[in-house]
Amino acid sequence: MHTDVLRNQNELRNNLRSHYDFIVCGAGSSGCVIAARLAERENIRVLLLEAGGDDTAPSVMEPAQWPVNLGSERDWSFMGQPAPSLNGRRLPLSMGKGLGGGSSINVMVWSRGHKEDWDYFAAKSGDPEWGYKSVLEYYRRIEDWQGTPDPARRGKGGPAYVAQPSSPQPIAQTMVDAAGLLGIPVFDSPNGRMMECTGGAAIADLRIKDGKRQSVFRSYTYKAMHQPNLTVLTGALVSSLIFDGNKAVGVEVMLDGKIRQFRATCETILSLGAVNTPKVLMQSGIGPEDELNRHGIKVRQHLPGVGQNHQDHIAFGCTWEYRKPEDVGGGGCEATVYWKSNSRLQQPDILQCQLEFPVPSPAEAELETPEHGWTMFAGLAQPKSRGRLRLSGPTMYDNMLIEPNALSAPEDVTAALAAVELCREIGNHSAFTPLVRGETAPRSRNHAGLVEFVRNSAVTYWHQSCTAKMGLDRMSVVDARLRVYGIENLRIADASIMPRITTGNTMAPCVVIGERAADMILAAHDTQLAAGIKQQRPDPS
């Protein structure tokens, strides 16, 4: 980090205030956006809390090193409960821990979600401003798109640098070509017209510039960290919310081995992700009353949907052995396919993400991994299975019990088989002959064998979401303005609020959620801002 940023943040940390105007909990792909946008107003004091550390490790900044972060101190390293639908297996559920959250340890794929996803958000929230037409305006604000101009859909000059690899590796281009030869439409980008129709194949859009990762933290928050009105605290674990009646007035935090309290004059925003956001809610007395009572937690607001509706993208690795070692480009993912398992569907339900190295299958799959090869993840873009999160105890140190229930819905098994067969059809096309020796996983199997393969080889894309959903029904946790039902001055802005998971990687939709949250927060406090928010502060600090 630059000297002026370090000096300023050290000074702010050494002179922490008891009150801030806004407290943003979690420096992931939504929280970083909110904190930065609020701090654009010089008279607003913003506190951004992050449990993890900084983002300066080479494994963060160097795109190809992202697998090194999995299981490290930059990963929450959640683990799912044993799942009968996965033959008793437990899924490792990585999630970014540190400045930038998932955007600092992911594969850097920029995927906007399908038109139908956003229109579904609008329908479920009762607010057309969550629809695709409105979201396109946000993407035009967000992006600094380096590819073919598309003024109706793409932005130029925004904070988020988005580009395709200038020279995709041969295996990536061959995958797109093979998909085209099989009748799948080929597009010049996965984020333009392709996400308005039945799907297609394209070279991926990535968040890599000059060979370096462009995390959401670096694109948004870091640029404001020299300012005196933005305090960014790492190593700050949010344990619970503080209330005055049913009004959230701040947070309790474990910082430097001590419990500290910080008060929010205006609002507290939870952007802790789809596991820790419901955890803090429940341990603060907001959630299903039977779950809270089980752990002796006083019920402040009964919201049965907290921790329910858990969704994730599930994938199955199909692998081929190279004839000779091939280079890996960028972060290793340079091409993608979205397609439908059933022609009657309104949008793609299959997500294929190519990795330019061989990914080992889980041990239960009993498959050899070649020394040199490539893997296509046959994924479920719109899973029907729903999981849940439960408490293991009432304190910040009690881990959440995550029950993903992956492949518990029969429709998901059907779609999984279609996804694997599509991968095999593409990967075994003659276009790959110059590069590939042959298929190593799953290889030809009968129906029962393929079902066993998907249950034993299923992994996740690490896109956990939907556990504090936005909506109008009794299982909804927030309204269309992201306000928690029954609690004043508390919003949620992260993947938790999705009514259903978006089609593709979730980083870009989380940036949209952050942008929309910031707009709504500023609009709600315009009167205070106009009057001078400092007059509202209860102490001179």
Protein backbone atom coordinates (compact mmCIF):
# COMPACT_ATOMS: atom_id res chain seq x y z
CA MET A 1 0.00 0.00 0.00
CA HIS A 2 1.16 3.55 -0.68
CA THR A 3 2.78 5.42 2.19
CA ASP A 4 0.04 8.07 2.46
CA VAL A 5 -2.64 5.37 2.71
CA LEU A 6 -0.75 3.45 5.38
CA ARG A 7 0.01 6.59 7.36
CA ASN A 8 -3.59 7.76 7.25
CA GLN A 9 -5.09 4.39 8.17
CA ASN A 10 -2.59 3.87 11.01
CA GLU A 11 -3.51 7.27 12.40
CA LEU A 12 -7.22 6.53 12.13
CA ARG A 13 -6.75 3.15 13.81
CA ASN A 14 -4.80 4.73 16.65
CA ASN A 15 -7.54 7.32 17.17
CA LEU A 16 -10.72 5.29 16.80
CA ARG A 17 -14.00 7.08 17.45
CA SER A 18 -16.90 5.75 19.44
CA HIS A 19 -19.39 6.91 16.78
CA TYR A 20 -19.40 6.87 12.99
CA ASP A 21 -22.18 7.89 10.64
CA PHE A 22 -22.23 4.53 8.86
CA ILE A 23 -20.70 1.19 9.81
CA VAL A 24 -20.16 -1.31 6.99
CA CYS A 25 -19.44 -4.83 8.20
CA GLY A 26 -17.42 -6.86 5.70
CA ALA A 27 -14.98 -5.71 2.99
CA GLY A 28 -16.13 -8.05 0.23
CA SER A 29 -17.48 -7.29 -3.23
CA SER A 30 -20.52 -5.42 -1.86
CA GLY A 31 -19.12 -3.86 1.31
CA CYS A 32 -16.12 -2.34 -0.47
CA VAL A 33 -18.43 -0.61 -2.93
CA ILE A 34 -20.73 0.77 -0.22
CA ALA A 35 -17.92 2.12 1.94
CA ALA A 36 -16.25 3.82 -1.02
CA ARG A 37 -19.45 5.38 -2.35
CA LEU A 38 -20.49 6.70 1.07
CA ALA A 39 -17.00 8.12 1.65
CA GLU A 40 -17.32 10.18 -1.53
CA ARG A 41 -19.34 12.57 0.66
CA GLU A 42 -16.67 14.41 2.65
CA ASN A 43 -18.99 15.09 5.58
CA ILE A 44 -19.78 11.39 6.13
CA ARG A 45 -17.65 9.33 8.50
CA VAL A 46 -17.50 5.68 7.44
CA LEU A 47 -16.14 2.69 9.36
CA LEU A 48 -15.42 -0.46 7.30
CA LEU A 49 -14.81 -3.59 9.39
CA GLU A 50 -13.03 -6.68 8.01
CA ALA A 51 -12.22 -9.83 9.99
CA GLY A 52 -9.36 -10.82 7.69
CA GLY A 53 -6.13 -9.10 6.78
CA ASP A 54 -4.78 -7.05 3.91
CA ASP A 55 -4.44 -8.04 0.26
CA THR A 56 -0.73 -7.58 -0.34
CA ALA A 57 0.32 -11.25 -0.53
CA PRO A 58 1.65 -12.39 -3.94
CA SER A 59 -1.01 -15.12 -3.99
CA VAL A 60 -3.63 -12.35 -4.08
CA MET A 61 -2.01 -10.01 -6.58
CA GLU A 62 -0.76 -12.71 -9.00
CA PRO A 63 -3.76 -14.15 -10.90
CA ALA A 64 -2.38 -17.66 -11.44
CA GLN A 65 -1.75 -18.15 -7.71
CA TRP A 66 -5.41 -18.05 -6.64
CA PRO A 67 -5.54 -21.80 -5.74
CA VAL A 68 -2.86 -21.16 -3.08
CA ASN A 69 -5.37 -19.03 -1.15
CA LEU A 70 -7.84 -21.88 -0.72
CA GLY A 71 -7.52 -23.19 2.83
CA SER A 72 -5.17 -20.36 3.82
CA GLU A 73 -5.70 -17.51 6.29
CA ARG A 74 -7.42 -15.68 3.41
CA ASP A 75 -10.21 -18.27 3.34
CA TRP A 76 -12.97 -18.78 5.91
CA SER A 77 -12.65 -22.48 5.02
CA PHE A 78 -16.24 -23.36 5.79
CA MET A 79 -17.21 -27.02 5.55
CA GLY A 80 -20.64 -28.38 4.72
CA GLN A 81 -22.34 -31.02 6.84
CA PRO A 82 -22.36 -34.61 5.52
CA ALA A 83 -24.87 -34.73 2.65
CA PRO A 84 -26.83 -37.91 1.89
CA SER A 85 -27.34 -36.62 -1.67
CA LEU A 86 -23.52 -36.61 -2.06
CA ASN A 87 -23.14 -40.11 -0.63
CA GLY A 88 -22.31 -38.68 2.79
CA ARG A 89 -19.55 -36.35 1.56
CA ARG A 90 -18.81 -32.94 3.10
CA LEU A 91 -18.27 -30.06 0.69
CA PRO A 92 -15.40 -27.62 1.34
CA LEU A 93 -17.01 -24.17 1.04
CA SER A 94 -14.30 -21.57 0.59
CA MET A 95 -15.11 -17.89 1.06
CA GLY A 96 -12.78 -14.91 0.92
CA LYS A 97 -11.51 -13.53 4.24
CA GLY A 98 -9.63 -10.25 3.90
CA LEU A 99 -9.83 -6.97 2.06
CA GLY A 100 -11.73 -7.64 -1.15
CA GLY A 101 -13.38 -10.80 0.14
CA GLY A 102 -13.96 -13.30 -2.63
CA SER A 103 -12.73 -10.83 -5.25
CA SER A 104 -9.22 -11.20 -3.74
CA ILE A 105 -9.03 -15.00 -4.02
CA ASN A 106 -11.35 -15.91 -6.90
CA VAL A 107 -10.72 -16.79 -10.57
CA MET A 108 -11.54 -13.17 -11.55
CA VAL A 109 -14.33 -14.02 -13.99
CA TRP A 110 -16.73 -11.11 -14.55
CA SER A 111 -20.23 -12.50 -15.08
CA ARG A 112 -23.24 -10.19 -14.91
CA GLY A 113 -26.04 -12.68 -14.46
CA HIS A 114 -28.78 -13.34 -17.01
CA LYS A 115 -31.55 -10.92 -17.93
CA GLU A 116 -34.06 -13.35 -16.40
CA ASP A 117 -32.16 -13.32 -13.08
CA TRP A 118 -32.56 -9.59 -12.61
CA ASP A 119 -36.17 -9.55 -13.77
CA TYR A 120 -36.81 -12.31 -11.21
CA PHE A 121 -35.28 -10.05 -8.52
CA ALA A 122 -37.66 -7.29 -9.59
CA ALA A 123 -40.69 -9.58 -9.48
CA LYS A 124 -39.88 -11.04 -6.07
CA SER A 125 -39.01 -7.67 -4.49
CA GLY A 126 -41.92 -5.81 -6.03
CA ASP A 127 -39.49 -3.15 -7.28
CA PRO A 128 -38.82 -2.76 -11.02
CA GLU A 129 -35.56 -0.96 -10.20
CA TRP A 130 -34.04 -4.41 -9.51
CA GLY A 131 -34.90 -5.43 -13.09
CA TYR A 132 -32.52 -5.90 -15.99
CA LYS A 133 -33.17 -2.51 -17.59
CA SER A 134 -32.14 -0.70 -14.40
CA VAL A 135 -29.22 -3.03 -13.74
CA LEU A 136 -27.78 -2.31 -17.19
CA GLU A 137 -27.49 1.33 -16.14
CA TYR A 138 -25.51 0.23 -13.10
CA TYR A 139 -23.19 -1.90 -15.18
CA ARG A 140 -22.55 1.05 -17.48
CA ARG A 141 -21.58 3.06 -14.39
CA ILE A 142 -19.43 0.29 -12.94
CA GLU A 143 -17.42 -0.94 -15.90
CA ASP A 144 -14.30 0.19 -17.66
CA TRP A 145 -14.84 -2.25 -20.52
CA GLN A 146 -11.84 -2.78 -22.79
CA GLY A 147 -13.49 -4.88 -25.50
CA THR A 148 -15.72 -4.26 -28.49
CA PRO A 149 -17.87 -1.18 -27.76
CA ASP A 150 -21.49 -1.95 -26.90
CA PRO A 151 -22.95 1.34 -25.58
CA ALA A 152 -26.32 -0.21 -24.75
CA ARG A 153 -24.81 -2.83 -22.47
CA ARG A 154 -21.22 -1.95 -21.55
CA GLY A 155 -19.62 0.89 -19.61
CA LYS A 156 -16.43 2.82 -20.19
CA GLY A 157 -14.44 4.76 -17.60
CA GLY A 158 -16.00 3.18 -14.49
CA PRO A 159 -14.04 1.83 -11.51
CA ALA A 160 -14.11 -1.85 -12.58
CA TYR A 161 -11.56 -2.69 -15.28
CA VAL A 162 -12.93 -5.58 -17.36
CA ALA A 163 -11.06 -7.13 -20.28
CA GLN A 164 -10.69 -10.35 -22.21
CA PRO A 165 -7.26 -12.00 -22.48
CA SER A 166 -5.39 -10.45 -25.40
CA SER A 167 -4.05 -13.84 -26.50
CA PRO A 168 -6.18 -16.68 -25.10
CA GLN A 169 -4.42 -20.01 -24.77
CA PRO A 170 -5.08 -22.45 -27.63
CA ILE A 171 -7.16 -24.72 -25.38
CA ALA A 172 -9.53 -21.83 -24.56
CA GLN A 173 -10.06 -20.79 -28.16
CA THR A 174 -10.49 -24.43 -29.18
CA MET A 175 -13.23 -24.92 -26.59
CA VAL A 176 -15.17 -21.96 -27.97
CA ASP A 177 -14.64 -23.18 -31.54
CA ALA A 178 -15.74 -26.73 -30.68
CA ALA A 179 -18.91 -25.45 -28.99
CA GLY A 180 -19.67 -23.45 -32.15
CA LEU A 181 -19.17 -26.50 -34.35
CA LEU A 182 -21.74 -28.32 -32.19
CA GLY A 183 -24.34 -25.62 -32.84
CA ILE A 184 -23.89 -23.48 -29.73
CA PRO A 185 -23.89 -19.76 -30.68
CA VAL A 186 -20.52 -18.05 -30.27
CA PHE A 187 -20.37 -14.46 -28.96
CA ASP A 188 -17.58 -11.93 -28.66
CA SER A 189 -18.30 -11.59 -24.92
CA PRO A 190 -20.35 -13.51 -22.35
CA ASN A 191 -21.75 -10.27 -20.91
CA GLY A 192 -23.55 -8.65 -23.83
CA ARG A 193 -26.33 -10.22 -25.89
CA MET A 194 -25.30 -13.68 -24.71
CA MET A 195 -26.89 -13.09 -21.30
CA GLU A 196 -30.16 -11.97 -22.85
CA CYS A 197 -30.85 -15.17 -24.79
CA THR A 198 -30.54 -18.96 -24.50
CA GLY A 199 -26.81 -18.86 -23.87
CA GLY A 200 -23.67 -19.46 -25.89
CA ALA A 201 -19.88 -19.75 -25.80
CA ALA A 202 -17.29 -17.00 -25.47
CA ILE A 203 -13.84 -16.06 -24.30
CA ALA A 204 -14.25 -14.97 -20.67
CA ASP A 205 -14.31 -11.40 -19.36
CA LEU A 206 -11.73 -11.06 -16.57
CA ARG A 207 -10.64 -8.64 -13.84
CA ILE A 208 -6.95 -8.71 -14.73
CA LYS A 209 -4.93 -5.64 -15.75
CA ASP A 210 -1.27 -5.67 -16.72
CA GLY A 211 -1.04 -9.21 -15.38
CA LYS A 212 -2.36 -8.26 -11.90
CA ARG A 213 -5.62 -8.99 -10.09
CA GLN A 214 -8.12 -6.15 -9.94
CA SER A 215 -10.08 -6.87 -6.76
CA VAL A 216 -13.18 -4.86 -5.89
CA PHE A 217 -11.26 -3.52 -2.91
CA ARG A 218 -8.53 -2.12 -5.15
CA SER A 219 -11.03 -0.73 -7.67
CA TYR A 220 -13.19 1.03 -5.08
CA THR A 221 -12.11 1.28 -1.45
CA TYR A 222 -8.35 1.58 -1.72
CA LYS A 223 -8.67 4.76 -3.79
CA ALA A 224 -10.40 6.49 -0.86
CA MET A 225 -8.22 5.22 2.00
CA HIS A 226 -6.09 8.37 2.09
CA GLN A 227 -9.20 10.32 3.15
CA PRO A 228 -9.79 11.22 6.82
CA ASN A 229 -13.47 10.19 6.65
CA LEU A 230 -12.91 6.48 5.80
CA THR A 231 -11.52 4.16 8.47
CA VAL A 232 -10.76 0.58 7.33
CA LEU A 233 -10.11 -1.85 10.18
CA THR A 234 -8.67 -5.30 9.44
CA GLY A 235 -8.65 -8.05 12.05
CA ALA A 236 -12.04 -6.79 13.25
CA LEU A 237 -14.46 -9.67 13.88
CA VAL A 238 -18.07 -8.51 14.23
CA SER A 239 -19.68 -10.50 17.04
CA SER A 240 -23.13 -8.94 17.36
CA LEU A 241 -25.33 -5.95 16.75
CA ILE A 242 -26.13 -3.35 19.40
CA PHE A 243 -29.74 -2.21 19.78
CA ASP A 244 -31.89 0.48 21.30
CA GLY A 245 -35.23 -1.31 21.31
CA ASN A 246 -35.67 -2.52 17.74
CA LYS A 247 -33.25 0.03 16.31
CA ALA A 248 -29.75 -1.13 15.40
CA VAL A 249 -27.34 1.45 16.80
CA GLY A 250 -23.98 -0.20 16.23
CA VAL A 251 -21.84 -3.32 16.54
CA GLU A 252 -19.72 -5.20 19.00
CA VAL A 253 -16.34 -6.20 17.57
CA MET A 254 -13.37 -8.31 18.63
CA LEU A 255 -10.39 -6.11 17.79
CA ASP A 256 -6.80 -6.69 18.89
CA GLY A 257 -7.97 -9.28 21.41
CA LYS A 258 -10.50 -6.98 23.05
CA ILE A 259 -14.22 -6.41 22.66
CA ARG A 260 -14.96 -2.92 21.33
CA GLN A 261 -18.25 -1.21 20.61
CA PHE A 262 -18.82 1.19 17.74
CA ARG A 263 -22.03 3.16 17.27
CA ALA A 264 -23.62 4.16 13.97
CA THR A 265 -25.42 7.50 13.94
CA CYS A 266 -27.28 6.64 10.74
CA GLU A 267 -27.12 2.97 9.72
CA THR A 268 -25.31 -0.32 10.07
CA ILE A 269 -24.87 -2.41 6.92
CA LEU A 270 -24.11 -6.14 7.03
CA SER A 271 -22.01 -7.31 4.07
CA LEU A 272 -20.48 -10.36 5.71
CA GLY A 273 -21.48 -12.95 3.11
CA ALA A 274 -24.03 -15.72 2.97
CA VAL A 275 -22.68 -17.50 6.06
CA ASN A 276 -21.58 -14.76 8.45
CA THR A 277 -24.44 -12.34 7.74
CA PRO A 278 -27.10 -14.82 8.96
CA LYS A 279 -24.74 -15.84 11.78
CA VAL A 280 -24.51 -12.28 13.16
CA LEU A 281 -28.25 -11.79 12.67
CA MET A 282 -29.16 -14.94 14.58
CA GLN A 283 -26.63 -14.42 17.35
CA SER A 284 -28.07 -10.90 17.72
CA GLY A 285 -31.60 -12.28 18.13
CA ILE A 286 -32.86 -11.91 14.57
CA GLY A 287 -33.97 -15.14 12.92
CA PRO A 288 -36.13 -18.26 13.39
CA GLU A 289 -37.34 -18.19 16.98
CA ASP A 290 -37.03 -21.97 17.43
CA GLU A 291 -33.37 -21.84 16.36
CA LEU A 292 -32.65 -18.90 18.67
CA ASN A 293 -34.46 -20.48 21.62
CA ARG A 294 -32.46 -23.68 21.16
CA HIS A 295 -29.29 -21.73 21.97
CA GLY A 296 -30.70 -19.47 24.67
CA ILE A 297 -30.65 -16.36 22.48
CA LYS A 298 -33.31 -13.77 23.27
CA VAL A 299 -35.57 -13.26 20.25
CA ARG A 300 -35.56 -9.65 19.14
CA GLN A 301 -37.23 -10.21 15.76
CA HIS A 302 -38.66 -13.49 14.52
CA LEU A 303 -37.62 -13.86 10.87
CA PRO A 304 -37.93 -17.52 9.83
CA GLY A 305 -36.05 -16.98 6.57
CA VAL A 306 -32.69 -16.15 8.14
CA GLY A 307 -30.29 -18.94 7.19
CA GLN A 308 -32.78 -20.62 4.88
CA ASN A 309 -32.80 -20.79 1.04
CA HIS A 310 -29.05 -21.52 0.84
CA GLN A 311 -27.92 -21.84 -2.79
CA ASP A 312 -24.63 -22.46 -4.56
CA HIS A 313 -23.35 -23.42 -8.00
CA ILE A 314 -22.35 -27.09 -8.03
CA ALA A 315 -19.85 -28.43 -10.58
CA PHE A 316 -18.42 -31.72 -11.81
CA GLY A 317 -14.89 -31.83 -13.22
CA CYS A 318 -14.49 -33.34 -16.67
CA THR A 319 -10.80 -33.67 -17.48
CA TRP A 320 -8.61 -34.35 -20.53
CA GLU A 321 -4.89 -35.16 -20.74
CA TYR A 322 -2.67 -32.93 -22.88
CA ARG A 323 -0.36 -34.37 -25.51
CA LYS A 324 2.33 -32.06 -24.10
CA PRO A 325 2.35 -29.44 -21.33
CA GLU A 326 0.49 -26.24 -22.25
CA ASP A 327 0.76 -22.77 -20.74
CA VAL A 328 -1.84 -21.39 -18.33
CA GLY A 329 -3.19 -17.94 -19.19
CA GLY A 330 -4.18 -15.36 -16.57
CA GLY A 331 -5.91 -17.10 -13.69
CA GLY A 332 -6.42 -20.23 -15.76
CA CYS A 333 -10.02 -19.60 -16.80
CA GLU A 334 -10.28 -17.97 -20.23
CA ALA A 335 -13.41 -19.46 -21.79
CA THR A 336 -16.95 -20.28 -20.77
CA VAL A 337 -20.18 -21.85 -22.03
CA TYR A 338 -23.73 -21.24 -20.82
CA TRP A 339 -26.41 -23.54 -22.18
CA LYS A 340 -29.75 -25.19 -21.42
CA SER A 341 -30.36 -28.76 -20.33
CA ASN A 342 -33.91 -28.46 -21.66
CA SER A 343 -35.02 -26.44 -24.68
CA ARG A 344 -38.18 -25.29 -22.86
CA LEU A 345 -36.22 -23.31 -20.27
CA GLN A 346 -36.23 -19.49 -20.41
CA GLN A 347 -32.54 -19.15 -19.61
CA PRO A 348 -29.35 -21.24 -19.36
CA ASP A 349 -29.21 -23.67 -16.46
CA ILE A 350 -25.78 -25.09 -17.33
CA LEU A 351 -22.55 -23.23 -16.58
CA GLN A 352 -19.30 -24.53 -18.07
CA CYS A 353 -16.11 -22.88 -16.81
CA GLN A 354 -12.88 -24.02 -18.39
CA LEU A 355 -9.68 -24.32 -16.37
CA GLU A 356 -6.40 -24.65 -18.22
CA PHE A 357 -4.95 -27.15 -15.74
CA PRO A 358 -6.15 -30.54 -14.48
CA VAL A 359 -8.28 -30.30 -11.34
CA PRO A 360 -8.14 -33.39 -9.12
CA SER A 361 -11.49 -35.04 -8.47
CA PRO A 362 -12.51 -35.71 -4.85
CA ALA A 363 -11.02 -38.95 -3.53
CA GLU A 364 -14.45 -40.61 -3.50
CA ALA A 365 -14.59 -40.37 -7.31
CA GLU A 366 -11.57 -42.73 -7.52
CA LEU A 367 -10.22 -41.09 -10.68
CA GLU A 368 -6.60 -40.53 -11.67
CA THR A 369 -5.63 -36.95 -12.52
CA PRO A 370 -3.16 -36.49 -15.39
CA GLU A 371 0.02 -34.56 -14.75
CA HIS A 372 -0.78 -32.21 -17.64
CA GLY A 373 -4.28 -31.53 -18.82
CA TRP A 374 -7.33 -29.29 -18.60
CA THR A 375 -10.67 -29.46 -16.82
CA MET A 376 -14.10 -28.22 -17.77
CA PHE A 377 -16.39 -27.73 -14.79
CA ALA A 378 -19.85 -28.90 -15.76
CA GLY A 379 -21.91 -26.71 -13.48
CA LEU A 380 -25.51 -26.09 -12.43
CA ALA A 381 -26.27 -22.43 -13.11
CA GLN A 382 -29.80 -22.56 -11.66
CA PRO A 383 -29.88 -25.32 -9.01
CA LYS A 384 -33.25 -26.28 -7.54
CA SER A 385 -31.83 -27.77 -4.34
CA ARG A 386 -32.07 -25.60 -1.25
CA GLY A 387 -29.95 -25.79 1.87
CA ARG A 388 -29.97 -24.11 5.25
CA LEU A 389 -27.68 -22.76 7.96
CA ARG A 390 -28.04 -23.49 11.66
CA LEU A 391 -26.24 -22.27 14.75
CA SER A 392 -23.88 -24.55 16.68
CA GLY A 393 -23.84 -22.13 19.59
CA PRO A 394 -24.54 -18.53 20.66
CA THR A 395 -21.03 -17.00 20.49
CA MET A 396 -18.83 -15.57 17.74
CA TYR A 397 -16.53 -18.59 18.04
CA ASP A 398 -19.28 -21.14 17.38
CA ASN A 399 -19.15 -22.25 13.75
CA MET A 400 -22.23 -22.30 11.57
CA LEU A 401 -23.63 -25.68 10.57
CA ILE A 402 -24.01 -25.46 6.79
CA GLU A 403 -26.31 -27.98 5.11
CA PRO A 404 -25.97 -27.33 1.35
CA ASN A 405 -28.27 -30.24 0.36
CA ALA A 406 -26.59 -30.21 -3.06
CA LEU A 407 -28.24 -32.52 -5.63
CA SER A 408 -31.14 -33.21 -3.25
CA ALA A 409 -33.64 -32.07 -5.91
CA PRO A 410 -34.14 -34.71 -8.65
CA GLU A 411 -34.17 -31.95 -11.31
CA ASP A 412 -30.58 -31.11 -10.35
CA VAL A 413 -29.40 -34.64 -10.98
CA THR A 414 -31.05 -34.56 -14.40
CA ALA A 415 -29.43 -31.22 -15.22
CA ALA A 416 -26.08 -32.45 -13.89
CA LEU A 417 -26.10 -35.43 -16.23
CA ALA A 418 -26.93 -33.14 -19.15
CA ALA A 419 -24.11 -30.78 -18.14
CA VAL A 420 -21.57 -33.60 -17.98
CA GLU A 421 -22.66 -35.02 -21.32
CA LEU A 422 -22.40 -31.58 -22.92
CA CYS A 423 -18.87 -31.20 -21.52
CA ARG A 424 -17.89 -34.58 -22.90
CA GLU A 425 -19.41 -33.79 -26.28
CA ILE A 426 -17.45 -30.54 -26.50
CA GLY A 427 -14.21 -31.87 -25.00
CA ASN A 428 -14.11 -34.97 -27.19
CA HIS A 429 -14.63 -33.01 -30.41
CA SER A 430 -12.01 -33.59 -33.09
CA ALA A 431 -11.02 -29.90 -32.86
CA PHE A 432 -9.01 -30.84 -29.74
CA THR A 433 -7.03 -33.63 -31.41
CA PRO A 434 -3.83 -31.57 -31.88
CA LEU A 435 -3.80 -30.65 -28.17
CA VAL A 436 -5.40 -33.50 -26.27
CA ARG A 437 -4.45 -37.16 -25.85
CA GLY A 438 -7.80 -38.23 -24.41
CA GLU A 439 -10.48 -37.99 -21.72
CA THR A 440 -9.57 -39.06 -18.18
CA ALA A 441 -12.78 -38.14 -16.32
CA PRO A 442 -15.50 -39.21 -16.22
CA ARG A 443 -15.07 -41.42 -19.32
CA SER A 444 -17.93 -43.38 -20.81
CA ARG A 445 -20.36 -44.79 -18.23
CA ASN A 446 -23.90 -46.09 -18.07
CA HIS A 447 -26.66 -44.01 -16.47
CA ALA A 448 -26.11 -45.38 -12.96
CA GLY A 449 -22.37 -44.85 -13.30
CA LEU A 450 -22.83 -41.24 -14.32
CA VAL A 451 -25.16 -40.62 -11.38
CA GLU A 452 -22.50 -42.00 -9.04
CA PHE A 453 -19.90 -39.81 -10.76
CA VAL A 454 -21.86 -36.59 -10.18
CA ARG A 455 -22.63 -37.46 -6.55
CA ASN A 456 -19.02 -38.43 -5.79
CA SER A 457 -17.30 -35.68 -7.77
CA ALA A 458 -19.52 -32.66 -7.06
CA VAL A 459 -17.66 -29.59 -5.80
CA THR A 460 -18.76 -25.98 -5.55
CA TYR A 461 -17.93 -22.80 -7.40
CA TRP A 462 -17.85 -21.11 -3.96
CA HIS A 463 -20.87 -18.96 -4.78
CA GLN A 464 -22.88 -19.32 -1.57
CA SER A 465 -25.88 -17.00 -1.55
CA CYS A 466 -29.57 -16.36 -0.81
CA THR A 467 -29.59 -16.95 2.98
CA ALA A 468 -31.25 -13.62 3.88
CA LYS A 469 -33.33 -13.13 0.78
CA MET A 470 -35.04 -10.02 -0.50
CA GLY A 471 -38.76 -10.32 -1.06
CA LEU A 472 -42.33 -9.91 0.09
CA ASP A 473 -43.21 -13.36 1.49
CA ARG A 474 -42.90 -14.52 5.10
CA MET A 475 -39.50 -16.11 4.43
CA SER A 476 -38.00 -12.84 3.21
CA VAL A 477 -35.47 -11.09 5.43
CA VAL A 478 -35.08 -7.73 3.67
CA ASP A 479 -37.37 -5.55 1.59
CA ALA A 480 -36.60 -4.04 -1.81
CA ARG A 481 -34.56 -1.31 -0.09
CA LEU A 482 -32.46 -4.00 1.64
CA ARG A 483 -33.86 -3.00 5.06
CA VAL A 484 -34.18 -5.84 7.57
CA TYR A 485 -37.84 -6.43 8.38
CA GLY A 486 -38.77 -5.26 11.87
CA ILE A 487 -35.42 -3.60 12.60
CA GLU A 488 -34.62 0.06 12.06
CA ASN A 489 -31.33 1.38 10.65
CA LEU A 490 -30.10 -2.05 9.56
CA ARG A 491 -29.55 -3.20 5.98
CA ILE A 492 -28.00 -6.22 4.34
CA ALA A 493 -26.04 -5.89 1.11
CA ASP A 494 -24.25 -8.99 -0.14
CA ALA A 495 -25.08 -12.27 -1.91
CA SER A 496 -27.34 -13.19 1.02
CA ILE A 497 -30.13 -10.98 -0.32
CA MET A 498 -30.46 -12.73 -3.69
CA PRO A 499 -33.90 -14.37 -3.98
CA ARG A 500 -32.16 -16.98 -6.12
CA ILE A 501 -28.60 -17.39 -7.30
CA THR A 502 -27.57 -15.55 -10.46
CA THR A 503 -26.44 -17.37 -13.59
CA GLY A 504 -22.63 -17.41 -13.45
CA ASN A 505 -19.98 -16.11 -11.07
CA THR A 506 -21.44 -13.88 -8.36
CA MET A 507 -18.77 -11.14 -8.03
CA ALA A 508 -20.29 -8.74 -10.58
CA PRO A 509 -23.85 -9.04 -9.19
CA CYS A 510 -22.47 -8.32 -5.70
CA VAL A 511 -20.94 -5.10 -7.05
CA VAL A 512 -24.37 -4.13 -8.39
CA ILE A 513 -25.91 -4.91 -5.00
CA GLY A 514 -23.31 -2.66 -3.37
CA GLU A 515 -23.94 0.19 -5.81
CA ARG A 516 -27.70 -0.02 -5.37
CA ALA A 517 -27.36 -0.18 -1.59
CA ALA A 518 -25.17 2.93 -1.55
CA ASP A 519 -27.66 4.83 -3.70
CA MET A 520 -30.57 3.84 -1.45
CA ILE A 521 -28.68 4.68 1.74
CA LEU A 522 -27.66 8.12 0.50
CA ALA A 523 -31.19 8.83 -0.72
CA ALA A 524 -32.64 7.83 2.66
CA HIS A 525 -30.35 10.27 4.49
CA ASP A 526 -30.42 13.17 2.06
CA THR A 527 -32.15 15.42 4.57
CA GLN A 528 -29.53 14.76 7.23
CA LEU A 529 -26.77 15.18 4.70
CA ALA A 530 -28.15 18.47 3.50
CA ALA A 531 -28.44 19.74 7.08
CA GLY A 532 -24.92 18.65 7.87
CA ILE A 533 -24.68 15.20 9.35
CA LYS A 534 -22.19 16.30 11.99
CA GLN A 535 -25.01 18.02 13.84
CA GLN A 536 -26.63 14.61 14.36
CA ARG A 537 -23.62 13.06 16.11
CA PRO A 538 -24.07 12.45 19.86
CA ASP A 539 -20.47 13.20 20.79
CA PRO A 540 -17.71 15.48 19.46
CA SER A 541 -15.46 12.52 18.63
